[in-house]
Protein backbone atom coordinates (compact mmCIF):
# COMPACT_ATOMS: atom_id res chain seq x y z
CA MET A 1 -34.18 -24.64 28.66
CA THR A 2 -31.23 -24.45 26.31
CA THR A 3 -30.77 -21.59 23.94
CA THR A 4 -28.57 -21.84 20.91
CA THR A 5 -27.19 -19.10 18.84
CA ALA A 6 -27.41 -19.43 15.12
CA ASN A 7 -24.34 -19.00 12.99
CA VAL A 8 -25.14 -15.53 11.84
CA LYS A 9 -22.58 -13.93 9.61
CA PRO A 10 -22.75 -10.18 9.60
CA LYS A 11 -23.31 -8.67 6.18
CA PRO A 12 -19.97 -7.33 4.91
CA ASN A 13 -19.87 -3.60 4.42
CA TYR A 14 -17.30 -1.01 3.43
CA GLU A 15 -16.29 -0.25 7.03
CA ALA A 16 -15.74 -3.89 7.93
CA THR A 17 -13.73 -4.46 4.76
CA ALA A 18 -11.63 -1.32 5.35
CA TRP A 19 -11.00 -2.38 8.96
CA LYS A 20 -9.93 -5.86 7.84
CA TRP A 21 -7.60 -4.57 5.10
CA MET A 22 -6.06 -2.03 7.48
CA ARG A 23 -5.00 -4.99 9.64
CA TYR A 24 -3.79 -7.02 6.63
CA SER A 25 -1.74 -4.14 5.25
CA GLY A 26 -0.26 -3.45 8.68
CA VAL A 27 0.83 -7.07 9.14
CA LEU A 28 2.23 -7.30 5.61
CA LEU A 29 4.03 -3.99 5.93
CA ILE A 30 6.17 -5.17 8.83
CA PRO A 31 8.33 -7.63 6.86
CA LEU A 32 8.15 -5.60 3.64
CA VAL A 33 9.44 -2.42 5.30
CA TRP A 34 12.11 -4.07 7.45
CA ILE A 35 13.50 -6.06 4.53
CA HIS A 36 13.52 -2.86 2.49
CA VAL A 37 15.34 -0.97 5.25
CA ALA A 38 17.84 -3.78 5.78
CA ILE A 39 18.72 -4.04 2.10
CA GLN A 40 18.57 -0.40 1.02
CA ASP A 41 19.93 1.33 4.11
CA VAL A 42 22.14 -1.26 5.79
CA ILE A 43 23.48 -3.64 3.13
CA VAL A 44 23.59 -1.39 0.05
CA GLY A 45 23.81 1.93 1.87
CA VAL A 46 21.95 5.07 0.89
CA HIS A 47 25.10 6.67 -0.56
CA ASN A 48 25.44 3.83 -3.09
CA ILE A 49 21.91 4.09 -4.48
CA ASP A 50 21.78 5.82 -7.84
CA ILE A 51 19.79 5.50 -11.07
CA ASN A 52 21.89 2.55 -12.19
CA TYR A 53 21.18 0.66 -8.98
CA VAL A 54 17.44 1.34 -9.36
CA ALA A 55 17.53 0.25 -13.03
CA MET A 56 19.35 -2.95 -12.07
CA ARG A 57 16.89 -3.67 -9.25
CA TRP A 58 13.77 -2.98 -11.33
CA ALA A 59 15.05 -5.13 -14.19
CA ASN A 60 14.13 -8.10 -11.96
CA VAL A 61 10.43 -9.04 -11.87
CA GLY A 62 10.74 -10.20 -8.26
CA TRP A 63 11.91 -6.77 -7.12
CA GLN A 64 9.19 -5.12 -9.19
CA VAL A 65 6.51 -7.18 -7.44
CA TYR A 66 8.12 -6.52 -4.05
CA ASP A 67 8.24 -2.75 -4.59
CA ILE A 68 4.69 -2.64 -5.97
CA LEU A 69 3.41 -4.53 -2.91
CA LEU A 70 5.33 -2.21 -0.59
CA LEU A 71 3.92 0.83 -2.38
CA ALA A 72 0.34 -0.46 -2.52
CA PHE A 73 0.15 -1.68 1.10
CA ALA A 74 1.87 1.36 2.60
CA PHE A 75 -0.28 3.72 0.57
CA ALA A 76 -3.49 1.77 1.36
CA HIS A 77 -2.61 1.88 5.04
CA GLY A 78 -2.04 5.63 4.88
CA MET A 79 -5.14 6.36 2.80
CA ASN A 80 -7.32 4.39 5.21
CA GLY A 81 -5.82 6.40 8.07
CA LEU A 82 -6.62 9.60 6.16
CA ARG A 83 -10.17 8.34 5.68
CA GLN A 84 -10.58 7.70 9.40
CA VAL A 85 -9.20 11.12 10.36
CA SER A 86 -11.39 12.86 7.78
CA PHE A 87 -14.45 11.29 9.39
CA ASP A 88 -13.90 13.72 12.29
CA PHE A 89 -14.79 16.52 9.88
CA PHE A 90 -17.47 14.82 7.78
CA THR A 91 -20.37 13.64 9.93
CA SER A 92 -23.12 12.80 7.46
CA GLU A 93 -23.28 9.23 6.21
CA LYS A 94 -23.55 10.33 2.58
CA ALA A 95 -20.48 12.58 2.85
CA ARG A 96 -18.48 9.80 4.52
CA LYS A 97 -19.50 7.27 1.89
CA ASN A 98 -18.60 9.64 -0.96
CA LEU A 99 -15.31 10.57 0.69
CA SER A 100 -14.48 6.88 1.19
CA TRP A 101 -15.02 6.20 -2.49
CA VAL A 102 -12.98 9.24 -3.56
CA ILE A 103 -10.08 8.14 -1.35
CA PHE A 104 -10.36 4.55 -2.61
CA ILE A 105 -10.34 5.66 -6.25
CA ALA A 106 -7.38 7.98 -5.56
CA TRP A 107 -5.54 5.03 -3.98
CA ILE A 108 -6.22 2.86 -7.05
CA ILE A 109 -5.12 5.54 -9.53
CA ILE A 110 -1.97 6.59 -7.67
CA SER A 111 -0.98 2.98 -6.92
CA PHE A 112 -1.47 2.16 -10.61
CA ILE A 113 0.74 5.09 -11.65
CA GLY A 114 3.40 3.91 -9.18
CA ALA A 115 3.17 0.34 -10.48
CA VAL A 116 3.53 1.55 -14.07
CA ALA A 117 6.60 3.56 -13.06
CA ILE A 118 8.13 0.53 -11.34
CA ILE A 119 7.35 -1.81 -14.22
CA GLY A 120 8.58 0.77 -16.74
CA GLY A 121 11.72 0.92 -14.67
CA ALA A 122 14.63 3.20 -14.99
CA ARG A 123 17.14 3.24 -17.81
CA LEU A 124 20.80 2.76 -17.15
CA ASN A 125 22.59 6.07 -17.06
CA LEU A 126 25.25 5.31 -19.66
CA LEU A 127 26.73 8.80 -19.54
CA ASN A 128 28.00 8.28 -16.00
CA SER A 129 29.15 4.69 -16.44
């Protein structure tokens, strides 16, 4: 007698989605962070970074997108870690679900504020030019 298993897709839920995006953000963070470190710390040098450098960098849409992705993925990764650690203290399903939504909404709002700041950019400091 042969038994076959049906292609059963598990119903997606918040935990499965969070687990998946934790892996995505981790993989995407590796090149984003190392490129950032190589450019900012090695090539440019931290002593050469000032408001004019930031204004010049954020005047380019490509760098804006890059920095927004770096911000959003790093922050998402950290917020999901915070969510997992907080589950040690919140044991009821309702509390965990509510906490997950609060952390998700906080991530959205703070990432949006960061994106607005990046898109708004910095103005050249003409007084020190």
